[in-house]
Amino acid sequence: MGNSIETLFSNSGITDSTRMLHTPGEFAKKNLLYVQEVGTLKSLQPHKSTREGLDSFLLIGVLSGEGTVTVGNNDYHIGKGDCVFLNCMDKYVHESSEDRPWELAWVHFNGSCAKEYFDLFLEKNNGKPLFTPRNPRKYEKYIRSLMDGQKEKDLESELECGSILLRLLNMAIVSAMKCEKMMGQESEIYNVVREFVNDRYQERNLMETIMEKYGFSEDEANEGFQKLYGIELQDYILNRRFTAAKELLRFTVKPVKEIVEESGIGNGDLFRRLFLDGEGMSAEEYRNKWAQWVK
């Protein structure tokens, strides 16, 4: 396993860098997140570099100094402790500061669900590539572990590096979610709405009650809830009712017809469709498989 993708940085008198390239094995390429290139660098002089069209994703963390990353028409000034998450198919530009040249730790990677993780990060981060992890030292530690992992060209090291990459992506997404949840009063309102649903999911016309009580339109309620929790409010209500129906089937002897009403679903056709789509079986089959008292 070895050698060659187009690299992000040139070190011909411009940077002092350590980089390690990697070509994944067949299992890693098909099933894991895998390293393409990983390294650290220190900028020796100001320079600007442009990249696009690389089949790769990139995490950059600033260990010291500062600089600018441009994505599309947006410039992002980044300094010590900041990170950037990029899809390298899109055009981006990076430039170190002249007064405070940066030192970076970075990894090019790809693989299973890489794009899905990137898309989720952007969704949670309001479309911005910049994030600041709670513990930047942990980011650096992960990058250096990935560098160590390239010394062994075997499946064991690829499995371990895939796990480290997953931790890095989780760090990025959690950081984005924490920023998203700092929406002040709006965040608090939707937290209250969620608890309201958890307490009163059985009630008919619950969506209308919420809109009237909290002054939302249906679109506002769904959009705000989606932004904070990753699911529209109307779907959250339905999921809560569906979960209640499964609990009643498993832990009570109540007839299905009664559970349709008590769960808040209230419609037999919808009830049947939820079980067929969500569990791949009827409610009666679900009870037979999962309810201990049946056995």
Protein backbone atom coordinates (compact mmCIF):
# COMPACT_ATOMS: atom_id res chain seq x y z
CA MET A 1 0.00 0.00 0.00
CA GLY A 2 1.73 3.08 -0.96
CA ASN A 3 1.95 6.15 -2.89
CA SER A 4 0.29 8.79 -4.97
CA ILE A 5 -2.41 11.33 -4.94
CA GLU A 6 -2.00 14.99 -5.73
CA THR A 7 -0.86 16.65 -2.53
CA LEU A 8 -2.35 19.71 -0.94
CA PHE A 9 0.89 21.49 -0.11
CA SER A 10 4.22 22.00 -1.85
CA ASN A 11 7.32 22.27 0.34
CA SER A 12 9.84 23.70 -2.14
CA GLY A 13 11.13 26.49 0.07
CA ILE A 14 7.61 27.54 0.98
CA THR A 15 6.74 25.07 3.70
CA ASP A 16 8.56 22.70 6.00
CA SER A 17 6.32 19.65 5.99
CA THR A 18 6.08 16.02 6.95
CA ARG A 19 3.55 14.07 4.94
CA MET A 20 2.64 10.43 4.51
CA LEU A 21 0.72 9.08 1.53
CA HIS A 22 -1.40 5.97 1.56
CA THR A 23 -3.15 3.77 -1.00
CA PRO A 24 -5.93 1.75 0.69
CA GLY A 25 -6.34 -1.98 0.42
CA GLU A 26 -9.48 -3.41 -1.17
CA PHE A 27 -11.36 -3.94 2.10
CA ALA A 28 -10.59 -0.44 3.35
CA LYS A 29 -11.51 1.16 0.04
CA LYS A 30 -14.89 -0.57 -0.05
CA ASN A 31 -15.85 -0.49 3.62
CA LEU A 32 -13.83 1.98 5.71
CA LEU A 33 -12.90 5.59 6.00
CA TYR A 34 -9.29 5.62 4.83
CA VAL A 35 -6.33 7.99 4.77
CA GLN A 36 -5.10 9.32 1.43
CA GLU A 37 -2.48 11.70 2.81
CA VAL A 38 -1.75 12.98 6.30
CA GLY A 39 0.84 15.33 7.69
CA THR A 40 1.95 18.52 9.39
CA LEU A 41 3.60 21.63 8.00
CA LYS A 42 4.95 25.00 8.97
CA SER A 43 4.72 27.85 6.49
CA LEU A 44 8.12 29.41 5.75
CA GLN A 45 6.80 32.34 3.72
CA PRO A 46 3.41 33.72 2.71
CA HIS A 47 1.89 31.84 -0.21
CA LYS A 48 -1.47 31.21 -1.79
CA SER A 49 -2.51 27.85 -3.19
CA THR A 50 -5.67 26.89 -5.08
CA ARG A 51 -7.13 23.41 -5.41
CA GLU A 52 -10.26 21.83 -6.87
CA GLY A 53 -11.44 18.61 -8.47
CA LEU A 54 -9.77 16.24 -6.00
CA ASP A 55 -11.78 13.15 -5.05
CA SER A 56 -11.01 13.69 -1.40
CA PHE A 57 -12.17 15.29 1.83
CA LEU A 58 -9.83 17.39 3.92
CA LEU A 59 -9.55 18.34 7.58
CA ILE A 60 -7.11 21.14 8.41
CA GLY A 61 -6.31 22.20 11.98
CA VAL A 62 -4.22 25.25 12.92
CA LEU A 63 -1.60 24.41 15.57
CA SER A 64 -0.14 27.93 15.64
CA GLY A 65 -0.20 31.13 13.60
CA GLU A 66 -3.05 32.12 11.33
CA GLY A 67 -4.20 32.40 7.75
CA THR A 68 -7.21 32.44 5.44
CA VAL A 69 -9.20 29.73 3.69
CA THR A 70 -11.52 30.79 0.86
CA VAL A 71 -14.40 28.56 -0.22
CA GLY A 72 -16.59 29.90 -3.01
CA ASN A 73 -16.97 33.61 -2.39
CA ASN A 74 -16.41 33.38 1.36
CA ASP A 75 -13.16 34.08 3.21
CA TYR A 76 -12.59 32.42 6.59
CA HIS A 77 -9.83 33.71 8.85
CA ILE A 78 -8.53 30.86 10.97
CA GLY A 79 -6.11 30.84 13.88
CA LYS A 80 -4.76 28.53 16.54
CA GLY A 81 -7.31 25.92 17.56
CA ASP A 82 -9.54 26.40 14.51
CA CYS A 83 -10.28 23.67 11.98
CA VAL A 84 -11.69 23.54 8.45
CA PHE A 85 -13.57 20.65 6.83
CA LEU A 86 -13.58 20.70 3.01
CA ASN A 87 -14.87 18.71 0.05
CA CYS A 88 -11.90 18.89 -2.30
CA MET A 89 -14.03 18.55 -5.41
CA ASP A 90 -15.00 22.18 -4.78
CA LYS A 91 -12.60 25.04 -5.38
CA TYR A 92 -10.82 26.37 -2.30
CA VAL A 93 -7.84 28.61 -1.61
CA HIS A 94 -5.59 28.67 1.44
CA GLU A 95 -3.08 31.37 2.36
CA SER A 96 -0.83 31.70 5.40
CA SER A 97 -0.49 35.00 7.21
CA GLU A 98 2.68 36.99 6.52
CA ASP A 99 3.06 38.22 10.09
CA ARG A 100 2.04 35.01 11.82
CA PRO A 101 2.75 32.08 9.47
CA TRP A 102 0.74 29.06 10.38
CA GLU A 103 1.57 25.53 11.42
CA LEU A 104 -1.01 22.98 10.35
CA ALA A 105 -1.98 19.36 10.96
CA TRP A 106 -4.14 17.93 8.18
CA VAL A 107 -5.51 14.78 6.62
CA HIS A 108 -6.88 13.96 3.18
CA PHE A 109 -9.31 11.05 3.43
CA ASN A 110 -12.19 9.32 1.67
CA GLY A 111 -14.22 6.16 1.95
CA SER A 112 -17.43 4.75 3.30
CA CYS A 113 -19.99 7.49 4.10
CA ALA A 114 -17.35 10.26 3.88
CA LYS A 115 -19.66 12.46 1.81
CA GLU A 116 -22.62 11.73 4.09
CA TYR A 117 -20.58 12.85 7.11
CA PHE A 118 -19.47 15.98 5.26
CA ASP A 119 -23.06 16.82 4.25
CA LEU A 120 -24.27 16.31 7.83
CA PHE A 121 -21.48 18.57 9.11
CA LEU A 122 -22.45 21.35 6.69
CA GLU A 123 -26.12 20.98 7.62
CA LYS A 124 -25.35 21.33 11.31
CA ASN A 125 -22.82 24.11 10.73
CA ASN A 126 -25.06 26.39 8.64
CA GLY A 127 -23.08 25.60 5.50
CA LYS A 128 -19.78 26.91 6.89
CA PRO A 129 -16.56 24.86 6.71
CA LEU A 130 -14.99 26.40 9.83
CA PHE A 131 -15.32 24.86 13.29
CA THR A 132 -13.48 25.00 16.60
CA PRO A 133 -13.23 21.71 18.50
CA ARG A 134 -13.68 21.81 22.24
CA ASN A 135 -10.27 20.19 22.67
CA PRO A 136 -7.89 21.18 19.85
CA ARG A 137 -5.10 19.12 21.40
CA LYS A 138 -7.18 16.00 20.86
CA TYR A 139 -7.43 16.92 17.17
CA GLU A 140 -3.62 17.13 16.93
CA LYS A 141 -3.29 13.84 18.80
CA TYR A 142 -5.60 12.11 16.30
CA ILE A 143 -3.62 13.47 13.32
CA ARG A 144 -0.34 12.26 14.80
CA SER A 145 -1.90 8.86 15.47
CA LEU A 146 -2.92 8.70 11.82
CA MET A 147 0.65 9.50 10.84
CA ASP A 148 1.91 6.70 13.07
CA GLY A 149 -0.66 4.40 11.51
CA GLN A 150 0.85 4.85 8.05
CA LYS A 151 4.07 3.17 9.17
CA GLU A 152 2.33 -0.21 9.07
CA LYS A 153 0.82 -1.06 5.68
CA ASP A 154 -1.67 -3.69 6.81
CA LEU A 155 -5.36 -4.21 7.49
CA GLU A 156 -4.99 -3.78 11.25
CA SER A 157 -3.59 -0.28 10.82
CA GLU A 158 -6.33 0.57 8.30
CA LEU A 159 -9.01 -0.53 10.76
CA GLU A 160 -7.46 1.60 13.49
CA CYS A 161 -7.05 4.61 11.19
CA GLY A 162 -10.66 4.25 10.07
CA SER A 163 -11.70 4.41 13.71
CA ILE A 164 -9.58 7.53 14.28
CA LEU A 165 -11.03 9.24 11.21
CA LEU A 166 -14.50 8.50 12.54
CA ARG A 167 -13.57 10.15 15.84
CA LEU A 168 -12.33 13.21 13.95
CA LEU A 169 -15.58 13.44 12.01
CA ASN A 170 -17.62 13.03 15.17
CA MET A 171 -15.56 15.85 16.70
CA ALA A 172 -16.38 18.11 13.75
CA ILE A 173 -20.10 17.32 13.78
CA VAL A 174 -20.46 17.61 17.57
CA SER A 175 -18.67 20.97 17.45
CA ALA A 176 -21.10 22.10 14.77
CA MET A 177 -24.08 20.88 16.77
CA LYS A 178 -22.91 22.72 19.88
CA CYS A 179 -22.68 25.94 17.88
CA GLU A 180 -26.09 25.26 16.40
CA LYS A 181 -27.59 24.78 19.83
CA MET A 182 -26.25 28.15 20.93
CA MET A 183 -29.17 29.83 19.25
CA GLY A 184 -30.22 31.38 22.53
CA GLN A 185 -33.90 31.87 23.07
CA GLU A 186 -34.90 30.07 19.88
CA SER A 187 -33.06 26.96 21.03
CA GLU A 188 -34.78 27.11 24.40
CA ILE A 189 -38.21 27.38 22.77
CA TYR A 190 -37.66 24.24 20.72
CA ASN A 191 -36.35 22.37 23.75
CA VAL A 192 -39.63 23.27 25.49
CA VAL A 193 -41.60 22.17 22.41
CA ARG A 194 -39.84 18.82 22.37
CA GLU A 195 -40.70 18.19 26.02
CA PHE A 196 -44.27 19.30 25.31
CA VAL A 197 -44.49 16.64 22.58
CA ASN A 198 -42.95 13.97 24.82
CA ASP A 199 -45.59 14.69 27.49
CA ARG A 200 -48.63 15.11 25.23
CA TYR A 201 -47.94 13.08 22.08
CA GLN A 202 -51.26 11.21 22.49
CA GLU A 203 -53.36 14.32 21.96
CA ARG A 204 -55.20 14.85 18.71
CA ASN A 205 -54.32 17.96 16.67
CA LEU A 206 -51.07 18.32 18.60
CA MET A 207 -49.34 20.22 15.80
CA GLU A 208 -52.12 22.82 15.77
CA THR A 209 -51.92 23.12 19.55
CA ILE A 210 -48.19 23.78 19.38
CA MET A 211 -48.53 26.40 16.65
CA GLU A 212 -51.19 28.23 18.64
CA LYS A 213 -49.37 27.94 21.98
CA TYR A 214 -45.93 29.04 20.73
CA GLY A 215 -46.88 31.30 17.85
CA PHE A 216 -45.31 29.25 15.04
CA SER A 217 -46.51 28.66 11.53
CA GLU A 218 -46.28 25.01 10.45
CA ASP A 219 -43.27 25.75 8.21
CA GLU A 220 -41.48 27.66 10.99
CA ALA A 221 -42.10 24.87 13.48
CA ASN A 222 -40.81 22.17 11.12
CA GLU A 223 -37.82 24.20 9.93
CA GLY A 224 -36.71 25.26 13.42
CA PHE A 225 -37.04 21.74 14.80
CA GLN A 226 -35.19 20.29 11.82
CA LYS A 227 -32.35 22.76 12.26
CA LEU A 228 -31.88 21.88 15.91
CA TYR A 229 -32.68 18.16 16.03
CA GLY A 230 -32.32 16.93 12.45
CA ILE A 231 -35.99 15.98 12.07
CA GLU A 232 -39.11 18.00 11.27
CA LEU A 233 -41.49 18.53 14.16
CA GLN A 234 -44.39 16.71 12.48
CA ASP A 235 -42.14 13.67 11.91
CA TYR A 236 -40.88 13.82 15.50
CA ILE A 237 -44.48 13.69 16.74
CA LEU A 238 -45.23 10.70 14.54
CA ASN A 239 -42.02 8.93 15.61
CA ARG A 240 -42.89 9.48 19.26
CA ARG A 241 -46.33 7.96 18.70
CA PHE A 242 -44.87 5.04 16.78
CA THR A 243 -42.43 4.34 19.61
CA ALA A 244 -45.32 4.44 22.10
CA ALA A 245 -47.24 1.95 19.97
CA LYS A 246 -44.28 -0.46 20.00
CA GLU A 247 -43.95 -0.10 23.77
CA LEU A 248 -47.63 -0.89 24.25
CA LEU A 249 -47.41 -3.93 21.99
CA ARG A 250 -44.39 -5.29 23.83
CA PHE A 251 -45.27 -4.55 27.42
CA THR A 252 -49.07 -4.70 27.63
CA VAL A 253 -51.81 -7.10 26.57
CA LYS A 254 -54.00 -4.34 25.16
CA PRO A 255 -55.63 -5.12 21.80
CA VAL A 256 -54.20 -3.50 18.68
CA LYS A 257 -57.33 -1.44 18.09
CA GLU A 258 -56.95 0.15 21.52
CA ILE A 259 -53.23 0.78 20.95
CA VAL A 260 -53.98 2.65 17.72
CA GLU A 261 -55.85 5.22 19.80
CA GLU A 262 -53.74 5.23 22.96
CA SER A 263 -50.50 5.77 21.04
CA GLY A 264 -51.95 8.91 19.48
CA ILE A 265 -51.72 7.55 15.93
CA GLY A 266 -55.48 7.33 15.76
CA ASN A 267 -55.74 5.90 12.25
CA GLY A 268 -55.71 2.21 11.49
CA ASP A 269 -54.38 2.56 7.94
CA LEU A 270 -51.54 4.81 9.07
CA PHE A 271 -50.81 2.44 11.97
CA ARG A 272 -50.48 -0.53 9.59
CA ARG A 273 -48.31 1.45 7.15
CA LEU A 274 -45.95 2.58 9.93
CA PHE A 275 -45.29 -1.01 10.98
CA LEU A 276 -44.88 -2.29 7.44
CA ASP A 277 -42.52 0.54 6.47
CA GLY A 278 -40.70 0.90 9.78
CA GLU A 279 -40.44 -2.72 10.94
CA GLY A 280 -41.19 -4.73 7.80
CA MET A 281 -44.05 -6.57 9.49
CA SER A 282 -47.54 -6.11 10.89
CA ALA A 283 -48.18 -4.95 14.46
CA GLU A 284 -49.33 -8.45 15.37
CA GLU A 285 -46.12 -9.98 14.00
CA TYR A 286 -44.08 -7.37 15.87
CA ARG A 287 -45.81 -8.32 19.13
CA ASN A 288 -45.22 -12.04 18.53
CA LYS A 289 -41.51 -11.46 17.90
CA TRP A 290 -40.78 -8.96 20.68
CA ALA A 291 -43.26 -9.37 23.53
CA GLN A 292 -41.88 -11.63 26.26
CA TRP A 293 -45.32 -12.38 27.66
CA VAL A 294 -46.38 -13.96 24.34
CA LYS A 295 -43.63 -16.53 24.73
